[in-house]
Amino acid sequence: MGIQFGLPAELLNIKNSLVIFGGSFNPPHNGHIIIAQMVRELFKNSDFHIVISSTPPHKEVEVPFGIRYELAKIAFKKTRLFVSDIENKLGGISYAINTVNYYLKTYENIFFLVGEDALKTIEKWYKYDELLKKAKMIVYPRYNNPDLIKRAEKALGNLSNSIFMLDLPLIQISSTMIRERLKKKLSVYGFVPDELIPYLEEVYGER
């Protein structure tokens, strides 16, 4: 069967379920907010947590967790979505499977929301096989690249049955772009919430 396109109605209506939108949010931006709101609208019967990665396993993040967490709370404040610091409380490397195992103590069903770029390396994630057995992975588009889907299906085999591609618009905003613009003293107006701009200029402008 492989990676599926769209979400079956029975998944959207599952009770006692949680959607985890994880990431370093370095920094958070309007793309994150749009994706979160659109997915939240799909999963009306699920709780939804923005989970800030404390120590990401696959990349180095110079901005400390505490700062990124506070920035995310400001960014998502108007959405009323819950911003979680659980990965910082759990300590150690912020592996997705550890976060999922924590939430499975409370929820029967977990949906892990990631960007399409995750399909480039998913089989290299820590305990990826356990992760895909315990949680459904829902993927928002960043490139609409069919080759990424094919490579993930080949690398994962039957585990790819736990992955669902979302039919959402491409949003061409990235944290990397925001950081680069701030470093060059360029405006990020329209890319991030207005109330976040002075904080971002202070945190990222000198890096």
C-alpha atoms as a PDB file:
ATOM      1  CA  MET A   1       0.000   0.000   0.000  1.00  0.00           C
ATOM      2  CA  GLY A   2       2.772   2.445   0.903  1.00  0.00           C
ATOM      3  CA  ILE A   3       2.438   6.131   1.736  1.00  0.00           C
ATOM      4  CA  GLN A   4      -1.169   7.247   1.460  1.00  0.00           C
ATOM      5  CA  PHE A   5      -2.484  10.522   0.079  1.00  0.00           C
ATOM      6  CA  GLY A   6      -5.135  12.211   2.171  1.00  0.00           C
ATOM      7  CA  LEU A   7      -6.588  11.151   5.495  1.00  0.00           C
ATOM      8  CA  PRO A   8      -9.337   8.552   5.872  1.00  0.00           C
ATOM      9  CA  ALA A   9     -12.382   9.870   7.729  1.00  0.00           C
ATOM     10  CA  GLU A  10     -11.978   7.236  10.427  1.00  0.00           C
ATOM     11  CA  LEU A  11      -8.587   8.696  11.385  1.00  0.00           C
ATOM     12  CA  LEU A  12      -9.979  12.201  11.677  1.00  0.00           C
ATOM     13  CA  ASN A  13     -12.704  11.046  14.040  1.00  0.00           C
ATOM     14  CA  ILE A  14     -10.606   8.956  16.436  1.00  0.00           C
ATOM     15  CA  LYS A  15     -11.202   9.850  20.080  1.00  0.00           C
ATOM     16  CA  ASN A  16      -8.508  10.140  22.743  1.00  0.00           C
ATOM     17  CA  SER A  17      -5.940  11.204  20.161  1.00  0.00           C
ATOM     18  CA  LEU A  18      -3.188  13.797  19.977  1.00  0.00           C
ATOM     19  CA  VAL A  19      -1.490  15.576  17.090  1.00  0.00           C
ATOM     20  CA  ILE A  20       2.144  16.451  17.838  1.00  0.00           C
ATOM     21  CA  PHE A  21       3.667  19.236  15.742  1.00  0.00           C
ATOM     22  CA  GLY A  22       7.320  18.936  16.664  1.00  0.00           C
ATOM     23  CA  GLY A  23      10.334  20.933  15.579  1.00  0.00           C
ATOM     24  CA  SER A  24      13.112  23.246  16.653  1.00  0.00           C
ATOM     25  CA  PHE A  25      11.052  26.349  15.698  1.00  0.00           C
ATOM     26  CA  ASN A  26      14.279  28.276  15.181  1.00  0.00           C
ATOM     27  CA  PRO A  27      12.505  30.642  14.846  1.00  0.00           C
ATOM     28  CA  PRO A  28       8.734  30.086  14.572  1.00  0.00           C
ATOM     29  CA  HIS A  29       7.122  31.818  11.575  1.00  0.00           C
ATOM     30  CA  ASN A  30       3.806  32.290   9.814  1.00  0.00           C
ATOM     31  CA  GLY A  31       4.271  29.085   7.824  1.00  0.00           C
ATOM     32  CA  HIS A  32       4.281  27.104  11.060  1.00  0.00           C
ATOM     33  CA  ILE A  33       1.163  28.909  12.223  1.00  0.00           C
ATOM     34  CA  ILE A  34      -0.747  28.342   8.976  1.00  0.00           C
ATOM     35  CA  ILE A  35       0.122  24.634   8.885  1.00  0.00           C
ATOM     36  CA  ALA A  36      -0.803  24.177  12.546  1.00  0.00           C
ATOM     37  CA  GLN A  37      -4.166  25.867  12.125  1.00  0.00           C
ATOM     38  CA  MET A  38      -5.075  23.953   8.960  1.00  0.00           C
ATOM     39  CA  VAL A  39      -4.182  20.584  10.495  1.00  0.00           C
ATOM     40  CA  ARG A  40      -5.958  21.492  13.722  1.00  0.00           C
ATOM     41  CA  GLU A  41      -9.112  22.132  11.678  1.00  0.00           C
ATOM     42  CA  LEU A  42      -8.815  18.655  10.137  1.00  0.00           C
ATOM     43  CA  PHE A  43      -8.405  16.911  13.502  1.00  0.00           C
ATOM     44  CA  LYS A  44     -11.365  18.489  15.280  1.00  0.00           C
ATOM     45  CA  ASN A  45     -11.660  15.624  17.772  1.00  0.00           C
ATOM     46  CA  SER A  46      -7.965  15.514  18.702  1.00  0.00           C
ATOM     47  CA  ASP A  47      -5.820  17.533  21.056  1.00  0.00           C
ATOM     48  CA  PHE A  48      -2.999  19.439  19.375  1.00  0.00           C
ATOM     49  CA  HIS A  49       0.403  20.204  20.915  1.00  0.00           C
ATOM     50  CA  ILE A  50       3.224  22.311  19.500  1.00  0.00           C
ATOM     51  CA  VAL A  51       6.280  20.487  20.863  1.00  0.00           C
ATOM     52  CA  ILE A  52       9.515  22.472  20.880  1.00  0.00           C
ATOM     53  CA  SER A  53      12.586  20.292  20.435  1.00  0.00           C
ATOM     54  CA  SER A  54      15.056  20.789  23.266  1.00  0.00           C
ATOM     55  CA  THR A  55      18.129  19.082  21.780  1.00  0.00           C
ATOM     56  CA  PRO A  56      17.401  18.050  18.160  1.00  0.00           C
ATOM     57  CA  PRO A  57      19.236  14.862  17.148  1.00  0.00           C
ATOM     58  CA  HIS A  58      19.933  15.761  13.512  1.00  0.00           C
ATOM     59  CA  LYS A  59      21.054  19.385  13.657  1.00  0.00           C
ATOM     60  CA  GLU A  60      22.804  21.856  15.911  1.00  0.00           C
ATOM     61  CA  VAL A  61      20.653  24.698  17.215  1.00  0.00           C
ATOM     62  CA  GLU A  62      22.530  27.699  18.595  1.00  0.00           C
ATOM     63  CA  VAL A  63      19.520  29.390  20.186  1.00  0.00           C
ATOM     64  CA  PRO A  64      18.775  27.846  23.605  1.00  0.00           C
ATOM     65  CA  PHE A  65      15.541  25.962  24.190  1.00  0.00           C
ATOM     66  CA  GLY A  66      14.206  28.518  26.666  1.00  0.00           C
ATOM     67  CA  ILE A  67      14.362  31.332  24.126  1.00  0.00           C
ATOM     68  CA  ARG A  68      12.784  29.268  21.324  1.00  0.00           C
ATOM     69  CA  TYR A  69      10.047  28.120  23.693  1.00  0.00           C
ATOM     70  CA  GLU A  70       9.167  31.682  24.698  1.00  0.00           C
ATOM     71  CA  LEU A  71       9.229  32.822  21.055  1.00  0.00           C
ATOM     72  CA  ALA A  72       6.859  29.993  20.127  1.00  0.00           C
ATOM     73  CA  LYS A  73       4.448  30.925  22.910  1.00  0.00           C
ATOM     74  CA  ILE A  74       4.318  34.470  21.548  1.00  0.00           C
ATOM     75  CA  ALA A  75       3.964  33.266  17.951  1.00  0.00           C
ATOM     76  CA  PHE A  76       1.104  30.849  18.654  1.00  0.00           C
ATOM     77  CA  LYS A  77      -0.673  32.909  21.330  1.00  0.00           C
ATOM     78  CA  LYS A  78      -3.525  34.092  19.094  1.00  0.00           C
ATOM     79  CA  THR A  79      -4.163  30.562  17.801  1.00  0.00           C
ATOM     80  CA  ARG A  80      -4.766  29.293  21.354  1.00  0.00           C
ATOM     81  CA  LEU A  81      -2.772  26.179  20.474  1.00  0.00           C
ATOM     82  CA  PHE A  82      -0.830  24.613  23.334  1.00  0.00           C
ATOM     83  CA  VAL A  83       2.957  25.016  23.221  1.00  0.00           C
ATOM     84  CA  SER A  84       4.659  22.207  25.135  1.00  0.00           C
ATOM     85  CA  ASP A  85       8.044  22.110  26.858  1.00  0.00           C
ATOM     86  CA  ILE A  86       7.879  18.350  27.453  1.00  0.00           C
ATOM     87  CA  GLU A  87      11.041  17.545  25.485  1.00  0.00           C
ATOM     88  CA  ASN A  88      13.025  19.855  27.729  1.00  0.00           C
ATOM     89  CA  LYS A  89      11.513  18.189  30.806  1.00  0.00           C
ATOM     90  CA  LEU A  90      12.299  14.715  29.445  1.00  0.00           C
ATOM     91  CA  GLY A  91      15.943  15.753  29.003  1.00  0.00           C
ATOM     92  CA  GLY A  92      18.614  14.277  26.761  1.00  0.00           C
ATOM     93  CA  ILE A  93      18.396  14.124  22.983  1.00  0.00           C
ATOM     94  CA  SER A  94      14.905  15.009  21.727  1.00  0.00           C
ATOM     95  CA  TYR A  95      14.062  11.781  19.934  1.00  0.00           C
ATOM     96  CA  ALA A  96      10.533  11.623  18.520  1.00  0.00           C
ATOM     97  CA  ILE A  97       9.965   8.117  19.887  1.00  0.00           C
ATOM     98  CA  ASN A  98      10.619   9.292  23.457  1.00  0.00           C
ATOM     99  CA  THR A  99       8.036  12.038  23.078  1.00  0.00           C
ATOM    100  CA  VAL A 100       5.510   9.619  21.577  1.00  0.00           C
ATOM    101  CA  ASN A 101       6.076   7.111  24.386  1.00  0.00           C
ATOM    102  CA  TYR A 102       5.488   9.849  26.949  1.00  0.00           C
ATOM    103  CA  TYR A 103       2.181  10.897  25.397  1.00  0.00           C
ATOM    104  CA  LEU A 104       1.000   7.309  24.952  1.00  0.00           C
ATOM    105  CA  LYS A 105       0.593   7.223  28.726  1.00  0.00           C
ATOM    106  CA  THR A 106      -2.317   9.638  28.233  1.00  0.00           C
ATOM    107  CA  TYR A 107      -3.520   9.148  24.656  1.00  0.00           C
ATOM    108  CA  GLU A 108      -4.404   5.983  22.760  1.00  0.00           C
ATOM    109  CA  ASN A 109      -3.592   7.426  19.334  1.00  0.00           C
ATOM    110  CA  ILE A 110      -0.740   9.701  18.300  1.00  0.00           C
ATOM    111  CA  PHE A 111      -0.322  11.599  15.029  1.00  0.00           C
ATOM    112  CA  PHE A 112       3.140  13.048  14.407  1.00  0.00           C
ATOM    113  CA  LEU A 113       3.114  16.060  12.063  1.00  0.00           C
ATOM    114  CA  VAL A 114       6.281  16.669  10.032  1.00  0.00           C
ATOM    115  CA  GLY A 115       7.367  18.447   6.865  1.00  0.00           C
ATOM    116  CA  GLU A 116       7.993  16.606   3.603  1.00  0.00           C
ATOM    117  CA  ASP A 117      11.762  17.002   4.085  1.00  0.00           C
ATOM    118  CA  ALA A 118      11.554  14.358   6.841  1.00  0.00           C
ATOM    119  CA  LEU A 119      11.072  11.757   4.097  1.00  0.00           C
ATOM    120  CA  LYS A 120      14.700  12.309   3.059  1.00  0.00           C
ATOM    121  CA  THR A 121      16.054  10.705   6.227  1.00  0.00           C
ATOM    122  CA  ILE A 122      13.181   9.030   8.076  1.00  0.00           C
ATOM    123  CA  GLU A 123      14.872   5.619   8.124  1.00  0.00           C
ATOM    124  CA  LYS A 124      17.819   7.215   9.970  1.00  0.00           C
ATOM    125  CA  TRP A 125      15.651   8.457  12.835  1.00  0.00           C
ATOM    126  CA  TYR A 126      16.266   6.842  16.207  1.00  0.00           C
ATOM    127  CA  LYS A 127      13.998   3.784  16.542  1.00  0.00           C
ATOM    128  CA  TYR A 128      12.084   4.855  13.439  1.00  0.00           C
ATOM    129  CA  ASP A 129      10.475   1.426  13.151  1.00  0.00           C
ATOM    130  CA  GLU A 130       9.045   1.620  16.672  1.00  0.00           C
ATOM    131  CA  LEU A 131       7.918   5.191  16.001  1.00  0.00           C
ATOM    132  CA  LEU A 132       5.959   4.234  12.876  1.00  0.00           C
ATOM    133  CA  LYS A 133       4.343   1.302  14.666  1.00  0.00           C
ATOM    134  CA  LYS A 134       3.202   3.429  17.590  1.00  0.00           C
ATOM    135  CA  ALA A 135       2.209   6.621  15.767  1.00  0.00           C
ATOM    136  CA  LYS A 136       0.809   7.729  12.436  1.00  0.00           C
ATOM    137  CA  MET A 137       3.015  10.218  10.614  1.00  0.00           C
ATOM    138  CA  ILE A 138       1.195  12.993   8.794  1.00  0.00           C
ATOM    139  CA  VAL A 139       3.261  14.980   6.314  1.00  0.00           C
ATOM    140  CA  TYR A 140       2.662  18.506   5.048  1.00  0.00           C
ATOM    141  CA  PRO A 141       4.101  19.404   1.609  1.00  0.00           C
ATOM    142  CA  ARG A 142       7.252  21.457   1.196  1.00  0.00           C
ATOM    143  CA  TYR A 143       8.245  20.459  -2.339  1.00  0.00           C
ATOM    144  CA  ASN A 144       5.552  18.109  -3.692  1.00  0.00           C
ATOM    145  CA  ASN A 145       8.420  15.865  -4.802  1.00  0.00           C
ATOM    146  CA  PRO A 146       7.245  12.365  -5.819  1.00  0.00           C
ATOM    147  CA  ASP A 147      10.838  11.093  -5.705  1.00  0.00           C
ATOM    148  CA  LEU A 148      10.966  11.691  -1.944  1.00  0.00           C
ATOM    149  CA  ILE A 149       7.863   9.576  -1.501  1.00  0.00           C
ATOM    150  CA  LYS A 150       9.306   6.768  -3.620  1.00  0.00           C
ATOM    151  CA  ARG A 151      12.596   6.725  -1.710  1.00  0.00           C
ATOM    152  CA  ALA A 152      10.799   6.682   1.644  1.00  0.00           C
ATOM    153  CA  GLU A 153       8.582   3.790   0.538  1.00  0.00           C
ATOM    154  CA  LYS A 154      11.632   1.864  -0.651  1.00  0.00           C
ATOM    155  CA  ALA A 155      13.557   2.535   2.574  1.00  0.00           C
ATOM    156  CA  LEU A 156      10.670   1.771   4.931  1.00  0.00           C
ATOM    157  CA  GLY A 157       8.819  -1.070   3.224  1.00  0.00           C
ATOM    158  CA  ASN A 158       5.524  -1.866   4.957  1.00  0.00           C
ATOM    159  CA  LEU A 159       6.225   0.735   7.640  1.00  0.00           C
ATOM    160  CA  SER A 160       5.400   3.384   5.041  1.00  0.00           C
ATOM    161  CA  ASN A 161       1.739   2.371   5.451  1.00  0.00           C
ATOM    162  CA  SER A 162       1.755   4.528   8.596  1.00  0.00           C
ATOM    163  CA  ILE A 163       2.548   7.706   6.639  1.00  0.00           C
ATOM    164  CA  PHE A 164      -0.116  10.027   5.232  1.00  0.00           C
ATOM    165  CA  MET A 165       0.490  12.954   2.874  1.00  0.00           C
ATOM    166  CA  LEU A 166      -1.683  15.988   3.528  1.00  0.00           C
ATOM    167  CA  ASP A 167      -3.278  17.932   0.690  1.00  0.00           C
ATOM    168  CA  LEU A 168      -2.244  21.405   1.818  1.00  0.00           C
ATOM    169  CA  PRO A 169      -0.836  24.414  -0.067  1.00  0.00           C
ATOM    170  CA  LEU A 170       2.917  24.881  -0.335  1.00  0.00           C
ATOM    171  CA  ILE A 171       4.120  27.607   2.004  1.00  0.00           C
ATOM    172  CA  GLN A 172       7.496  28.957   0.959  1.00  0.00           C
ATOM    173  CA  ILE A 173       8.649  30.267   4.315  1.00  0.00           C
ATOM    174  CA  SER A 174      11.411  28.577   6.280  1.00  0.00           C
ATOM    175  CA  SER A 175      13.238  29.223   9.522  1.00  0.00           C
ATOM    176  CA  THR A 176      16.510  29.231   7.581  1.00  0.00           C
ATOM    177  CA  MET A 177      15.225  32.050   5.372  1.00  0.00           C
ATOM    178  CA  ILE A 178      14.076  34.045   8.405  1.00  0.00           C
ATOM    179  CA  ARG A 179      17.454  33.655  10.117  1.00  0.00           C
ATOM    180  CA  GLU A 180      19.333  34.714   6.977  1.00  0.00           C
ATOM    181  CA  ARG A 181      17.162  37.788   6.490  1.00  0.00           C
ATOM    182  CA  LEU A 182      17.602  38.827  10.111  1.00  0.00           C
ATOM    183  CA  LYS A 183      21.355  38.345   9.889  1.00  0.00           C
ATOM    184  CA  LYS A 184      21.434  40.622   6.820  1.00  0.00           C
ATOM    185  CA  LYS A 185      19.238  43.210   8.576  1.00  0.00           C
ATOM    186  CA  LEU A 186      16.429  42.621   6.063  1.00  0.00           C
ATOM    187  CA  SER A 187      12.756  42.928   6.959  1.00  0.00           C
ATOM    188  CA  VAL A 188      10.816  39.851   8.060  1.00  0.00           C
ATOM    189  CA  TYR A 189       7.507  41.727   8.049  1.00  0.00           C
ATOM    190  CA  GLY A 190       4.786  39.399   6.743  1.00  0.00           C
ATOM    191  CA  PHE A 191       6.868  36.284   7.383  1.00  0.00           C
ATOM    192  CA  VAL A 192       6.370  36.211  11.148  1.00  0.00           C
ATOM    193  CA  PRO A 193       3.759  37.634  13.550  1.00  0.00           C
ATOM    194  CA  ASP A 194       4.312  41.370  13.974  1.00  0.00           C
ATOM    195  CA  GLU A 195       4.622  41.100  17.747  1.00  0.00           C
ATOM    196  CA  LEU A 196       7.517  38.652  17.314  1.00  0.00           C
ATOM    197  CA  ILE A 197       9.698  40.912  15.151  1.00  0.00           C
ATOM    198  CA  PRO A 198      11.501  42.937  17.870  1.00  0.00           C
ATOM    199  CA  TYR A 199      12.362  39.751  19.759  1.00  0.00           C
ATOM    200  CA  LEU A 200      13.672  38.052  16.619  1.00  0.00           C
ATOM    201  CA  GLU A 201      15.789  41.061  15.693  1.00  0.00           C
ATOM    202  CA  GLU A 202      17.346  40.961  19.146  1.00  0.00           C
ATOM    203  CA  VAL A 203      17.930  37.192  19.229  1.00  0.00           C
ATOM    204  CA  TYR A 204      18.984  36.518  15.634  1.00  0.00           C
ATOM    205  CA  GLY A 205      20.198  39.883  14.356  1.00  0.00           C
ATOM    206  CA  GLU A 206      23.651  39.530  15.890  1.00  0.00           C
ATOM    207  CA  ARG A 207      24.230  35.834  15.149  1.00  0.00           C
END
